[in-house]
Amino acid sequence: MLKTLGLKILDGTPNYYVIEDIGRISSIIHFEKLLQEMMEYVTEKGTQSVSIVLNEKEAANTDYLDLLEAFDFWQQETQYFYKRDLSSFKEHRGILEKVGVQHFTHFPCTSLKKLELLII
């Protein structure tokens, strides 16, 4: 099922099915085949909810959007993801020292081994 390279699938059948990072979709025909295969699979499994997550470039492709609409998908929400490169964290250490670490909330860390012993 769904032989596209680079595809991320979250299969929570029968409750949900999510496709993220549609990968190396080479054409609108390839995307249409992907959608057809996916719809056959989720119909067979009786899946209740299907979501397809597009990145910014894919969401700007009107052919993709038109095809999703043809398959009765609608835009559910828009999300914005922010990222920080932590390799430059040392440069900002002086700021934390000036502000004072006491202004930040610290949560105690418990190892997974300790948690496992508590659960058992």
PDB file of N, CA and C in Angstrom:
ATOM      1  N   MET A   1       0.839  -1.192   0.000  1.00  0.00           N
ATOM      2  CA  MET A   1       0.000   0.000   0.000  1.00  0.00           C
ATOM      3  C   MET A   1       0.876   1.246   0.000  1.00  0.00           C
ATOM      4  N   LEU A   2       0.529   2.254  -0.702  1.00  0.00           N
ATOM      5  CA  LEU A   2       1.210   3.548  -0.756  1.00  0.00           C
ATOM      6  C   LEU A   2       2.727   3.412  -0.861  1.00  0.00           C
ATOM      7  N   LYS A   3       3.182   3.221  -2.047  1.00  0.00           N
ATOM      8  CA  LYS A   3       4.586   2.930  -2.295  1.00  0.00           C
ATOM      9  C   LYS A   3       5.440   4.179  -2.537  1.00  0.00           C
ATOM     10  N   THR A   4       4.949   5.355  -2.197  1.00  0.00           N
ATOM     11  CA  THR A   4       5.685   6.589  -2.435  1.00  0.00           C
ATOM     12  C   THR A   4       6.805   6.751  -1.418  1.00  0.00           C
ATOM     13  N   LEU A   5       8.018   6.996  -1.901  1.00  0.00           N
ATOM     14  CA  LEU A   5       9.155   7.187  -1.009  1.00  0.00           C
ATOM     15  C   LEU A   5       9.039   8.511  -0.264  1.00  0.00           C
ATOM     16  N   GLY A   6       9.469   8.522   0.987  1.00  0.00           N
ATOM     17  CA  GLY A   6       9.476   9.743   1.772  1.00  0.00           C
ATOM     18  C   GLY A   6       8.149  10.057   2.426  1.00  0.00           C
ATOM     19  N   LEU A   7       7.187   9.202   2.265  1.00  0.00           N
ATOM     20  CA  LEU A   7       5.851   9.412   2.799  1.00  0.00           C
ATOM     21  C   LEU A   7       5.818   9.072   4.277  1.00  0.00           C
ATOM     22  N   LYS A   8       5.182   9.916   5.095  1.00  0.00           N
ATOM     23  CA  LYS A   8       4.995   9.621   6.511  1.00  0.00           C
ATOM     24  C   LYS A   8       3.520   9.313   6.727  1.00  0.00           C
ATOM     25  N   ILE A   9       3.252   8.159   7.332  1.00  0.00           N
ATOM     26  CA  ILE A   9       1.866   7.739   7.548  1.00  0.00           C
ATOM     27  C   ILE A   9       1.656   7.458   9.026  1.00  0.00           C
ATOM     28  N   LEU A  10       0.600   8.006   9.576  1.00  0.00           N
ATOM     29  CA  LEU A  10       0.163   7.688  10.930  1.00  0.00           C
ATOM     30  C   LEU A  10      -1.129   6.910  10.772  1.00  0.00           C
ATOM     31  N   ASP A  11      -1.044   5.612  10.962  1.00  0.00           N
ATOM     32  CA  ASP A  11      -2.204   4.751  10.749  1.00  0.00           C
ATOM     33  C   ASP A  11      -2.812   4.369  12.091  1.00  0.00           C
ATOM     34  N   GLY A  12      -3.829   5.096  12.481  1.00  0.00           N
ATOM     35  CA  GLY A  12      -4.537   4.825  13.724  1.00  0.00           C
ATOM     36  C   GLY A  12      -5.874   4.178  13.449  1.00  0.00           C
ATOM     37  N   THR A  13      -5.901   3.317  12.443  1.00  0.00           N
ATOM     38  CA  THR A  13      -7.122   2.636  12.026  1.00  0.00           C
ATOM     39  C   THR A  13      -7.734   1.915  13.219  1.00  0.00           C
ATOM     40  N   PRO A  14      -9.001   1.987  13.446  1.00  0.00           N
ATOM     41  CA  PRO A  14     -10.048   2.538  12.583  1.00  0.00           C
ATOM     42  C   PRO A  14     -10.387   3.996  12.868  1.00  0.00           C
ATOM     43  N   ASN A  15      -9.686   4.640  13.803  1.00  0.00           N
ATOM     44  CA  ASN A  15     -10.048   5.999  14.191  1.00  0.00           C
ATOM     45  C   ASN A  15      -9.540   7.084  13.245  1.00  0.00           C
ATOM     46  N   TYR A  16      -8.308   6.985  12.817  1.00  0.00           N
ATOM     47  CA  TYR A  16      -7.748   8.033  11.962  1.00  0.00           C
ATOM     48  C   TYR A  16      -6.655   7.484  11.058  1.00  0.00           C
ATOM     49  N   TYR A  17      -6.350   8.265  10.031  1.00  0.00           N
ATOM     50  CA  TYR A  17      -5.276   7.967   9.095  1.00  0.00           C
ATOM     51  C   TYR A  17      -4.734   9.313   8.641  1.00  0.00           C
ATOM     52  N   VAL A  18      -3.439   9.532   8.814  1.00  0.00           N
ATOM     53  CA  VAL A  18      -2.832  10.821   8.479  1.00  0.00           C
ATOM     54  C   VAL A  18      -1.654  10.592   7.548  1.00  0.00           C
ATOM     55  N   ILE A  19      -1.590  11.391   6.504  1.00  0.00           N
ATOM     56  CA  ILE A  19      -0.426  11.396   5.615  1.00  0.00           C
ATOM     57  C   ILE A  19       0.258  12.738   5.806  1.00  0.00           C
ATOM     58  N   GLU A  20       1.535  12.683   6.175  1.00  0.00           N
ATOM     59  CA  GLU A  20       2.353  13.880   6.323  1.00  0.00           C
ATOM     60  C   GLU A  20       3.521  13.771   5.365  1.00  0.00           C
ATOM     61  N   ASP A  21       4.043  14.907   4.987  1.00  0.00           N
ATOM     62  CA  ASP A  21       5.251  14.920   4.154  1.00  0.00           C
ATOM     63  C   ASP A  21       5.053  14.002   2.951  1.00  0.00           C
ATOM     64  N   ILE A  22       4.252  14.469   2.018  1.00  0.00           N
ATOM     65  CA  ILE A  22       3.841  13.600   0.913  1.00  0.00           C
ATOM     66  C   ILE A  22       5.003  13.152   0.046  1.00  0.00           C
ATOM     67  N   GLY A  23       6.176  13.594   0.394  1.00  0.00           N
ATOM     68  CA  GLY A  23       7.366  13.017  -0.218  1.00  0.00           C
ATOM     69  C   GLY A  23       7.636  13.483  -1.623  1.00  0.00           C
ATOM     70  N   ARG A  24       8.142  12.575  -2.394  1.00  0.00           N
ATOM     71  CA  ARG A  24       8.587  12.893  -3.749  1.00  0.00           C
ATOM     72  C   ARG A  24       7.471  12.696  -4.760  1.00  0.00           C
ATOM     73  N   ILE A  25       6.388  13.402  -4.583  1.00  0.00           N
ATOM     74  CA  ILE A  25       5.293  13.343  -5.559  1.00  0.00           C
ATOM     75  C   ILE A  25       5.803  14.021  -6.823  1.00  0.00           C
ATOM     76  N   SER A  26       5.841  13.271  -7.898  1.00  0.00           N
ATOM     77  CA  SER A  26       6.460  13.778  -9.119  1.00  0.00           C
ATOM     78  C   SER A  26       5.491  14.528 -10.020  1.00  0.00           C
ATOM     79  N   SER A  27       4.191  14.303  -9.838  1.00  0.00           N
ATOM     80  CA  SER A  27       3.220  14.956 -10.712  1.00  0.00           C
ATOM     81  C   SER A  27       1.841  14.908 -10.069  1.00  0.00           C
ATOM     82  N   ILE A  28       0.931  15.630 -10.650  1.00  0.00           N
ATOM     83  CA  ILE A  28      -0.446  15.620 -10.168  1.00  0.00           C
ATOM     84  C   ILE A  28      -1.065  14.242 -10.373  1.00  0.00           C
ATOM     85  N   ILE A  29      -0.653  13.536 -11.416  1.00  0.00           N
ATOM     86  CA  ILE A  29      -1.154  12.175 -11.668  1.00  0.00           C
ATOM     87  C   ILE A  29      -0.675  11.235 -10.559  1.00  0.00           C
ATOM     88  N   HIS A  30       0.577  11.385 -10.152  1.00  0.00           N
ATOM     89  CA  HIS A  30       1.129  10.591  -9.056  1.00  0.00           C
ATOM     90  C   HIS A  30       0.366  10.869  -7.749  1.00  0.00           C
ATOM     91  N   PHE A  31       0.072  12.145  -7.501  1.00  0.00           N
ATOM     92  CA  PHE A  31      -0.678  12.531  -6.294  1.00  0.00           C
ATOM     93  C   PHE A  31      -2.087  11.938  -6.335  1.00  0.00           C
ATOM     94  N   GLU A  32      -2.706  11.962  -7.511  1.00  0.00           N
ATOM     95  CA  GLU A  32      -4.046  11.397  -7.653  1.00  0.00           C
ATOM     96  C   GLU A  32      -4.037   9.888  -7.367  1.00  0.00           C
ATOM     97  N   LYS A  33      -3.033   9.187  -7.882  1.00  0.00           N
ATOM     98  CA  LYS A  33      -2.914   7.744  -7.608  1.00  0.00           C
ATOM     99  C   LYS A  33      -2.727   7.487  -6.114  1.00  0.00           C
ATOM    100  N   LEU A  34      -1.929   8.321  -5.474  1.00  0.00           N
ATOM    101  CA  LEU A  34      -1.719   8.217  -4.033  1.00  0.00           C
ATOM    102  C   LEU A  34      -3.049   8.360  -3.284  1.00  0.00           C
ATOM    103  N   LEU A  35      -3.830   9.357  -3.665  1.00  0.00           N
ATOM    104  CA  LEU A  35      -5.124   9.585  -3.018  1.00  0.00           C
ATOM    105  C   LEU A  35      -6.085   8.424  -3.270  1.00  0.00           C
ATOM    106  N   GLN A  36      -6.083   7.895  -4.493  1.00  0.00           N
ATOM    107  CA  GLN A  36      -6.958   6.763  -4.808  1.00  0.00           C
ATOM    108  C   GLN A  36      -6.595   5.535  -3.974  1.00  0.00           C
ATOM    109  N   GLU A  37      -5.303   5.217  -3.889  1.00  0.00           N
ATOM    110  CA  GLU A  37      -4.861   4.075  -3.092  1.00  0.00           C
ATOM    111  C   GLU A  37      -5.224   4.263  -1.627  1.00  0.00           C
ATOM    112  N   MET A  38      -4.984   5.454  -1.125  1.00  0.00           N
ATOM    113  CA  MET A  38      -5.276   5.746   0.266  1.00  0.00           C
ATOM    114  C   MET A  38      -6.770   5.612   0.555  1.00  0.00           C
ATOM    115  N   MET A  39      -7.613   6.129  -0.335  1.00  0.00           N
ATOM    116  CA  MET A  39      -9.064   6.059  -0.134  1.00  0.00           C
ATOM    117  C   MET A  39      -9.558   4.615  -0.175  1.00  0.00           C
ATOM    118  N   GLU A  40      -9.000   3.805  -1.054  1.00  0.00           N
ATOM    119  CA  GLU A  40      -9.370   2.384  -1.097  1.00  0.00           C
ATOM    120  C   GLU A  40      -9.010   1.705   0.226  1.00  0.00           C
ATOM    121  N   TYR A  41      -7.821   2.000   0.730  1.00  0.00           N
ATOM    122  CA  TYR A  41      -7.351   1.398   1.973  1.00  0.00           C
ATOM    123  C   TYR A  41      -8.232   1.796   3.153  1.00  0.00           C
ATOM    124  N   VAL A  42      -8.491   3.098   3.315  1.00  0.00           N
ATOM    125  CA  VAL A  42      -9.260   3.547   4.486  1.00  0.00           C
ATOM    126  C   VAL A  42     -10.719   3.122   4.395  1.00  0.00           C
ATOM    127  N   THR A  43     -11.244   3.011   3.182  1.00  0.00           N
ATOM    128  CA  THR A  43     -12.618   2.530   3.011  1.00  0.00           C
ATOM    129  C   THR A  43     -12.706   1.065   3.419  1.00  0.00           C
ATOM    130  N   GLU A  44     -11.725   0.277   2.985  1.00  0.00           N
ATOM    131  CA  GLU A  44     -11.681  -1.144   3.332  1.00  0.00           C
ATOM    132  C   GLU A  44     -11.560  -1.347   4.849  1.00  0.00           C
ATOM    133  N   LYS A  45     -10.777  -0.483   5.510  1.00  0.00           N
ATOM    134  CA  LYS A  45     -10.536  -0.602   6.951  1.00  0.00           C
ATOM    135  C   LYS A  45     -11.612   0.078   7.798  1.00  0.00           C
ATOM    136  N   GLY A  46     -12.501   0.842   7.161  1.00  0.00           N
ATOM    137  CA  GLY A  46     -13.551   1.537   7.907  1.00  0.00           C
ATOM    138  C   GLY A  46     -13.024   2.689   8.746  1.00  0.00           C
ATOM    139  N   THR A  47     -11.989   3.329   8.269  1.00  0.00           N
ATOM    140  CA  THR A  47     -11.375   4.441   8.997  1.00  0.00           C
ATOM    141  C   THR A  47     -12.329   5.626   9.048  1.00  0.00           C
ATOM    142  N   GLN A  48     -12.404   6.273  10.231  1.00  0.00           N
ATOM    143  CA  GLN A  48     -13.370   7.348  10.448  1.00  0.00           C
ATOM    144  C   GLN A  48     -12.889   8.719   9.990  1.00  0.00           C
ATOM    145  N   SER A  49     -11.580   8.969  10.038  1.00  0.00           N
ATOM    146  CA  SER A  49     -11.059  10.296   9.731  1.00  0.00           C
ATOM    147  C   SER A  49      -9.754  10.184   8.963  1.00  0.00           C
ATOM    148  N   VAL A  50      -9.624  10.973   7.912  1.00  0.00           N
ATOM    149  CA  VAL A  50      -8.405  10.991   7.107  1.00  0.00           C
ATOM    150  C   VAL A  50      -7.920  12.429   7.000  1.00  0.00           C
ATOM    151  N   SER A  51      -6.623  12.637   7.250  1.00  0.00           N
ATOM    152  CA  SER A  51      -6.029  13.971   7.126  1.00  0.00           C
ATOM    153  C   SER A  51      -4.792  13.888   6.255  1.00  0.00           C
ATOM    154  N   ILE A  52      -4.570  14.939   5.485  1.00  0.00           N
ATOM    155  CA  ILE A  52      -3.363  15.058   4.680  1.00  0.00           C
ATOM    156  C   ILE A  52      -2.721  16.388   5.051  1.00  0.00           C
ATOM    157  N   VAL A  53      -1.467  16.327   5.493  1.00  0.00           N
ATOM    158  CA  VAL A  53      -0.753  17.523   5.917  1.00  0.00           C
ATOM    159  C   VAL A  53       0.194  17.936   4.801  1.00  0.00           C
ATOM    160  N   LEU A  54       0.030  19.157   4.322  1.00  0.00           N
ATOM    161  CA  LEU A  54       0.879  19.680   3.249  1.00  0.00           C
ATOM    162  C   LEU A  54       1.854  20.700   3.821  1.00  0.00           C
ATOM    163  N   ASN A  55       3.059  20.734   3.272  1.00  0.00           N
ATOM    164  CA  ASN A  55       3.978  21.795   3.667  1.00  0.00           C
ATOM    165  C   ASN A  55       3.629  23.054   2.864  1.00  0.00           C
ATOM    166  N   GLU A  56       4.347  24.124   3.117  1.00  0.00           N
ATOM    167  CA  GLU A  56       4.031  25.418   2.499  1.00  0.00           C
ATOM    168  C   GLU A  56       4.095  25.352   0.971  1.00  0.00           C
ATOM    169  N   LYS A  57       5.100  24.693   0.438  1.00  0.00           N
ATOM    170  CA  LYS A  57       5.256  24.586  -1.013  1.00  0.00           C
ATOM    171  C   LYS A  57       4.105  23.784  -1.623  1.00  0.00           C
ATOM    172  N   GLU A  58       3.769  22.662  -0.998  1.00  0.00           N
ATOM    173  CA  GLU A  58       2.684  21.814  -1.496  1.00  0.00           C
ATOM    174  C   GLU A  58       1.339  22.526  -1.391  1.00  0.00           C
ATOM    175  N   ALA A  59       1.150  23.291  -0.313  1.00  0.00           N
ATOM    176  CA  ALA A  59      -0.113  24.004  -0.110  1.00  0.00           C
ATOM    177  C   ALA A  59      -0.284  25.146  -1.108  1.00  0.00           C
ATOM    178  N   ALA A  60       0.811  25.588  -1.705  1.00  0.00           N
ATOM    179  CA  ALA A  60       0.743  26.649  -2.718  1.00  0.00           C
ATOM    180  C   ALA A  60       0.446  26.090  -4.105  1.00  0.00           C
ATOM    181  N   ASN A  61       0.477  24.782  -4.250  1.00  0.00           N
ATOM    182  CA  ASN A  61       0.224  24.145  -5.538  1.00  0.00           C
ATOM    183  C   ASN A  61      -1.289  24.008  -5.725  1.00  0.00           C
ATOM    184  N   THR A  62      -1.863  24.854  -6.568  1.00  0.00           N
ATOM    185  CA  THR A  62      -3.325  24.850  -6.752  1.00  0.00           C
ATOM    186  C   THR A  62      -3.837  23.542  -7.349  1.00  0.00           C
ATOM    187  N   ASP A  63      -3.001  22.851  -8.124  1.00  0.00           N
ATOM    188  CA  ASP A  63      -3.418  21.552  -8.655  1.00  0.00           C
ATOM    189  C   ASP A  63      -3.649  20.550  -7.521  1.00  0.00           C
ATOM    190  N   TYR A  64      -2.766  20.563  -6.525  1.00  0.00           N
ATOM    191  CA  TYR A  64      -2.942  19.682  -5.364  1.00  0.00           C
ATOM    192  C   TYR A  64      -4.221  20.036  -4.616  1.00  0.00           C
ATOM    193  N   LEU A  65      -4.424  21.322  -4.417  1.00  0.00           N
ATOM    194  CA  LEU A  65      -5.605  21.767  -3.672  1.00  0.00           C
ATOM    195  C   LEU A  65      -6.889  21.421  -4.411  1.00  0.00           C
ATOM    196  N   ASP A  66      -6.890  21.607  -5.722  1.00  0.00           N
ATOM    197  CA  ASP A  66      -8.067  21.253  -6.525  1.00  0.00           C
ATOM    198  C   ASP A  66      -8.346  19.754  -6.459  1.00  0.00           C
ATOM    199  N   LEU A  67      -7.299  18.955  -6.509  1.00  0.00           N
ATOM    200  CA  LEU A  67      -7.466  17.505  -6.449  1.00  0.00           C
ATOM    201  C   LEU A  67      -7.991  17.069  -5.078  1.00  0.00           C
ATOM    202  N   LEU A  68      -7.465  17.661  -4.014  1.00  0.00           N
ATOM    203  CA  LEU A  68      -7.970  17.349  -2.679  1.00  0.00           C
ATOM    204  C   LEU A  68      -9.453  17.706  -2.560  1.00  0.00           C
ATOM    205  N   GLU A  69      -9.827  18.832  -3.124  1.00  0.00           N
ATOM    206  CA  GLU A  69     -11.238  19.240  -3.117  1.00  0.00           C
ATOM    207  C   GLU A  69     -12.089  18.242  -3.912  1.00  0.00           C
ATOM    208  N   ALA A  70     -11.566  17.758  -5.017  1.00  0.00           N
ATOM    209  CA  ALA A  70     -12.288  16.766  -5.824  1.00  0.00           C
ATOM    210  C   ALA A  70     -12.509  15.467  -5.036  1.00  0.00           C
ATOM    211  N   PHE A  71     -11.596  15.158  -4.098  1.00  0.00           N
ATOM    212  CA  PHE A  71     -11.738  13.991  -3.233  1.00  0.00           C
ATOM    213  C   PHE A  71     -12.500  14.336  -1.949  1.00  0.00           C
ATOM    214  N   ASP A  72     -13.162  15.480  -1.917  1.00  0.00           N
ATOM    215  CA  ASP A  72     -13.975  15.957  -0.790  1.00  0.00           C
ATOM    216  C   ASP A  72     -13.177  16.266   0.474  1.00  0.00           C
ATOM    217  N   PHE A  73     -11.921  16.662   0.323  1.00  0.00           N
ATOM    218  CA  PHE A  73     -11.144  17.156   1.459  1.00  0.00           C
ATOM    219  C   PHE A  73     -11.346  18.659   1.541  1.00  0.00           C
ATOM    220  N   TRP A  74     -11.304  19.213   2.748  1.00  0.00           N
ATOM    221  CA  TRP A  74     -11.371  20.653   2.928  1.00  0.00           C
ATOM    222  C   TRP A  74     -10.276  21.067   3.897  1.00  0.00           C
ATOM    223  N   GLN A  75      -9.900  22.338   3.817  1.00  0.00           N
ATOM    224  CA  GLN A  75      -8.835  22.836   4.686  1.00  0.00           C
ATOM    225  C   GLN A  75      -9.357  22.916   6.106  1.00  0.00           C
ATOM    226  N   GLN A  76      -8.727  22.171   6.992  1.00  0.00           N
ATOM    227  CA  GLN A  76      -9.169  22.102   8.376  1.00  0.00           C
ATOM    228  C   GLN A  76      -8.572  23.243   9.194  1.00  0.00           C
ATOM    229  N   GLU A  77      -7.286  23.476   9.037  1.00  0.00           N
ATOM    230  CA  GLU A  77      -6.621  24.513   9.805  1.00  0.00           C
ATOM    231  C   GLU A  77      -5.299  24.886   9.152  1.00  0.00           C
ATOM    232  N   THR A  78      -4.743  25.990   9.611  1.00  0.00           N
ATOM    233  CA  THR A  78      -3.416  26.414   9.190  1.00  0.00           C
ATOM    234  C   THR A  78      -2.529  26.402  10.413  1.00  0.00           C
ATOM    235  N   GLN A  79      -1.352  25.835  10.293  1.00  0.00           N
ATOM    236  CA  GLN A  79      -0.425  25.777  11.413  1.00  0.00           C
ATOM    237  C   GLN A  79       0.871  26.464  11.033  1.00  0.00           C
ATOM    238  N   TYR A  80       1.517  27.047  12.039  1.00  0.00           N
ATOM    239  CA  TYR A  80       2.813  27.664  11.836  1.00  0.00           C
ATOM    240  C   TYR A  80       3.790  26.996  12.787  1.00  0.00           C
ATOM    241  N   PHE A  81       4.879  26.489  12.251  1.00  0.00           N
ATOM    242  CA  PHE A  81       5.881  25.812  13.055  1.00  0.00           C
ATOM    243  C   PHE A  81       7.108  26.698  13.157  1.00  0.00           C
ATOM    244  N   TYR A  82       7.628  26.840  14.368  1.00  0.00           N
ATOM    245  CA  TYR A  82       8.826  27.628  14.597  1.00  0.00           C
ATOM    246  C   TYR A  82       9.931  26.695  15.065  1.00  0.00           C
ATOM    247  N   LYS A  83      11.142  27.009  14.650  1.00  0.00           N
ATOM    248  CA  LYS A  83      12.277  26.145  14.934  1.00  0.00           C
ATOM    249  C   LYS A  83      13.433  27.004  15.426  1.00  0.00           C
ATOM    250  N   ARG A  84      14.232  26.457  16.314  1.00  0.00           N
ATOM    251  CA  ARG A  84      15.431  27.149  16.777  1.00  0.00           C
ATOM    252  C   ARG A  84      16.596  26.191  16.697  1.00  0.00           C
ATOM    253  N   ASP A  85      17.683  26.643  16.150  1.00  0.00           N
ATOM    254  CA  ASP A  85      18.913  25.858  16.074  1.00  0.00           C
ATOM    255  C   ASP A  85      19.617  25.957  17.419  1.00  0.00           C
ATOM    256  N   LEU A  86      19.687  24.868  18.151  1.00  0.00           N
ATOM    257  CA  LEU A  86      20.259  24.880  19.490  1.00  0.00           C
ATOM    258  C   LEU A  86      21.780  24.859  19.499  1.00  0.00           C
ATOM    259  N   SER A  87      22.393  24.720  18.340  1.00  0.00           N
ATOM    260  CA  SER A  87      23.857  24.744  18.303  1.00  0.00           C
ATOM    261  C   SER A  87      24.389  26.126  18.661  1.00  0.00           C
ATOM    262  N   SER A  88      23.566  27.159  18.549  1.00  0.00           N
ATOM    263  CA  SER A  88      23.993  28.517  18.890  1.00  0.00           C
ATOM    264  C   SER A  88      23.572  28.892  20.306  1.00  0.00           C
ATOM    265  N   PHE A  89      23.113  27.939  21.103  1.00  0.00           N
ATOM    266  CA  PHE A  89      22.605  28.214  22.442  1.00  0.00           C
ATOM    267  C   PHE A  89      23.676  28.819  23.344  1.00  0.00           C
ATOM    268  N   LYS A  90      24.933  28.417  23.193  1.00  0.00           N
ATOM    269  CA  LYS A  90      26.010  28.917  24.042  1.00  0.00           C
ATOM    270  C   LYS A  90      26.148  30.430  23.931  1.00  0.00           C
ATOM    271  N   GLU A  91      25.847  30.991  22.769  1.00  0.00           N
ATOM    272  CA  GLU A  91      25.948  32.436  22.561  1.00  0.00           C
ATOM    273  C   GLU A  91      24.973  33.193  23.453  1.00  0.00           C
ATOM    274  N   HIS A  92      23.857  32.571  23.808  1.00  0.00           N
ATOM    275  CA  HIS A  92      22.821  33.246  24.578  1.00  0.00           C
ATOM    276  C   HIS A  92      22.904  32.927  26.071  1.00  0.00           C
ATOM    277  N   ARG A  93      23.868  32.142  26.482  1.00  0.00           N
ATOM    278  CA  ARG A  93      24.005  31.765  27.881  1.00  0.00           C
ATOM    279  C   ARG A  93      24.197  33.009  28.750  1.00  0.00           C
ATOM    280  N   GLY A  94      24.947  33.992  28.270  1.00  0.00           N
ATOM    281  CA  GLY A  94      25.177  35.222  29.026  1.00  0.00           C
ATOM    282  C   GLY A  94      23.880  35.953  29.324  1.00  0.00           C
ATOM    283  N   ILE A  95      22.929  35.919  28.402  1.00  0.00           N
ATOM    284  CA  ILE A  95      21.635  36.567  28.615  1.00  0.00           C
ATOM    285  C   ILE A  95      20.911  35.900  29.772  1.00  0.00           C
ATOM    286  N   LEU A  96      20.932  34.573  29.816  1.00  0.00           N
ATOM    287  CA  LEU A  96      20.273  33.851  30.904  1.00  0.00           C
ATOM    288  C   LEU A  96      20.910  34.196  32.247  1.00  0.00           C
ATOM    289  N   GLU A  97      22.222  34.343  32.267  1.00  0.00           N
ATOM    290  CA  GLU A  97      22.910  34.676  33.510  1.00  0.00           C
ATOM    291  C   GLU A  97      22.554  36.087  33.963  1.00  0.00           C
ATOM    292  N   LYS A  98      22.404  37.038  33.017  1.00  0.00           N
ATOM    293  CA  LYS A  98      22.044  38.408  33.372  1.00  0.00           C
ATOM    294  C   LYS A  98      20.603  38.486  33.874  1.00  0.00           C
ATOM    295  N   VAL A  99      19.697  37.773  33.224  1.00  0.00           N
ATOM    296  CA  VAL A  99      18.289  37.797  33.623  1.00  0.00           C
ATOM    297  C   VAL A  99      18.116  37.075  34.947  1.00  0.00           C
ATOM    298  N   GLY A 100      18.840  36.014  35.118  1.00  0.00           N
ATOM    299  CA  GLY A 100      18.735  35.214  36.336  1.00  0.00           C
ATOM    300  C   GLY A 100      17.937  33.960  36.075  1.00  0.00           C
ATOM    301  N   VAL A 101      18.527  32.842  36.387  1.00  0.00           N
ATOM    302  CA  VAL A 101      17.887  31.566  36.146  1.00  0.00           C
ATOM    303  C   VAL A 101      16.644  31.400  37.005  1.00  0.00           C
ATOM    304  N   GLN A 102      16.548  32.115  38.148  1.00  0.00           N
ATOM    305  CA  GLN A 102      15.402  31.958  39.034  1.00  0.00           C
ATOM    306  C   GLN A 102      14.088  32.377  38.370  1.00  0.00           C
ATOM    307  N   HIS A 103      14.137  33.085  37.254  1.00  0.00           N
ATOM    308  CA  HIS A 103      12.923  33.504  36.557  1.00  0.00           C
ATOM    309  C   HIS A 103      12.320  32.396  35.705  1.00  0.00           C
ATOM    310  N   PHE A 104      13.027  31.301  35.577  1.00  0.00           N
ATOM    311  CA  PHE A 104      12.544  30.194  34.763  1.00  0.00           C
ATOM    312  C   PHE A 104      12.058  29.077  35.661  1.00  0.00           C
ATOM    313  N   THR A 105      10.964  28.446  35.264  1.00  0.00           N
ATOM    314  CA  THR A 105      10.418  27.336  36.035  1.00  0.00           C
ATOM    315  C   THR A 105      11.208  26.080  35.710  1.00  0.00           C
ATOM    316  N   HIS A 106      11.591  25.353  36.735  1.00  0.00           N
ATOM    317  CA  HIS A 106      12.309  24.103  36.547  1.00  0.00           C
ATOM    318  C   HIS A 106      11.411  22.956  36.971  1.00  0.00           C
ATOM    319  N   PHE A 107      11.372  21.938  36.177  1.00  0.00           N
ATOM    320  CA  PHE A 107      10.595  20.751  36.490  1.00  0.00           C
ATOM    321  C   PHE A 107      11.556  19.637  36.850  1.00  0.00           C
ATOM    322  N   PRO A 108      11.276  18.927  37.937  1.00  0.00           N
ATOM    323  CA  PRO A 108      12.170  17.826  38.281  1.00  0.00           C
ATOM    324  C   PRO A 108      12.073  16.721  37.237  1.00  0.00           C
ATOM    325  N   CYS A 109      13.189  16.130  36.922  1.00  0.00           N
ATOM    326  CA  CYS A 109      13.216  15.040  35.948  1.00  0.00           C
ATOM    327  C   CYS A 109      13.262  13.718  36.690  1.00  0.00           C
ATOM    328  N   THR A 110      12.469  12.799  36.244  1.00  0.00           N
ATOM    329  CA  THR A 110      12.464  11.461  36.804  1.00  0.00           C
ATOM    330  C   THR A 110      12.834  10.512  35.682  1.00  0.00           C
ATOM    331  N   SER A 111      13.760   9.627  35.969  1.00  0.00           N
ATOM    332  CA  SER A 111      14.182   8.704  34.920  1.00  0.00           C
ATOM    333  C   SER A 111      13.052   7.736  34.593  1.00  0.00           C
ATOM    334  N   LEU A 112      13.080   7.197  33.383  1.00  0.00           N
ATOM    335  CA  LEU A 112      12.064   6.238  32.966  1.00  0.00           C
ATOM    336  C   LEU A 112      12.101   4.987  33.832  1.00  0.00           C
ATOM    337  N   LYS A 113      13.285   4.602  34.294  1.00  0.00           N
ATOM    338  CA  LYS A 113      13.403   3.421  35.160  1.00  0.00           C
ATOM    339  C   LYS A 113      12.594   3.639  36.441  1.00  0.00           C
ATOM    340  N   LYS A 114      12.716   4.831  37.045  1.00  0.00           N
ATOM    341  CA  LYS A 114      11.972   5.113  38.278  1.00  0.00           C
ATOM    342  C   LYS A 114      10.476   5.107  38.007  1.00  0.00           C
ATOM    343  N   LEU A 115      10.063   5.702  36.901  1.00  0.00           N
ATOM    344  CA  LEU A 115       8.645   5.713  36.559  1.00  0.00           C
ATOM    345  C   LEU A 115       8.122   4.301  36.327  1.00  0.00           C
ATOM    346  N   GLU A 116       8.932   3.483  35.675  1.00  0.00           N
ATOM    347  CA  GLU A 116       8.541   2.095  35.415  1.00  0.00           C
ATOM    348  C   GLU A 116       8.331   1.355  36.731  1.00  0.00           C
ATOM    349  N   LEU A 117       9.188   1.584  37.715  1.00  0.00           N
ATOM    350  CA  LEU A 117       9.049   0.933  39.014  1.00  0.00           C
ATOM    351  C   LEU A 117       7.784   1.411  39.729  1.00  0.00           C
ATOM    352  N   LEU A 118       7.433   2.680  39.560  1.00  0.00           N
ATOM    353  CA  LEU A 118       6.223   3.222  40.193  1.00  0.00           C
ATOM    354  C   LEU A 118       4.958   2.624  39.576  1.00  0.00           C
ATOM    355  N   ILE A 119       4.991   2.381  38.286  1.00  0.00           N
ATOM    356  CA  ILE A 119       3.812   1.854  37.580  1.00  0.00           C
ATOM    357  C   ILE A 119       3.599   0.391  37.931  1.00  0.00           C
ATOM    358  N   ILE A 120       4.672  -0.335  38.065  1.00  0.00           N
ATOM    359  CA  ILE A 120       4.563  -1.782  38.353  1.00  0.00           C
ATOM    360  C   ILE A 120       4.192  -1.924  39.773  1.00  0.00           C
TER     361      ILE A 120
END
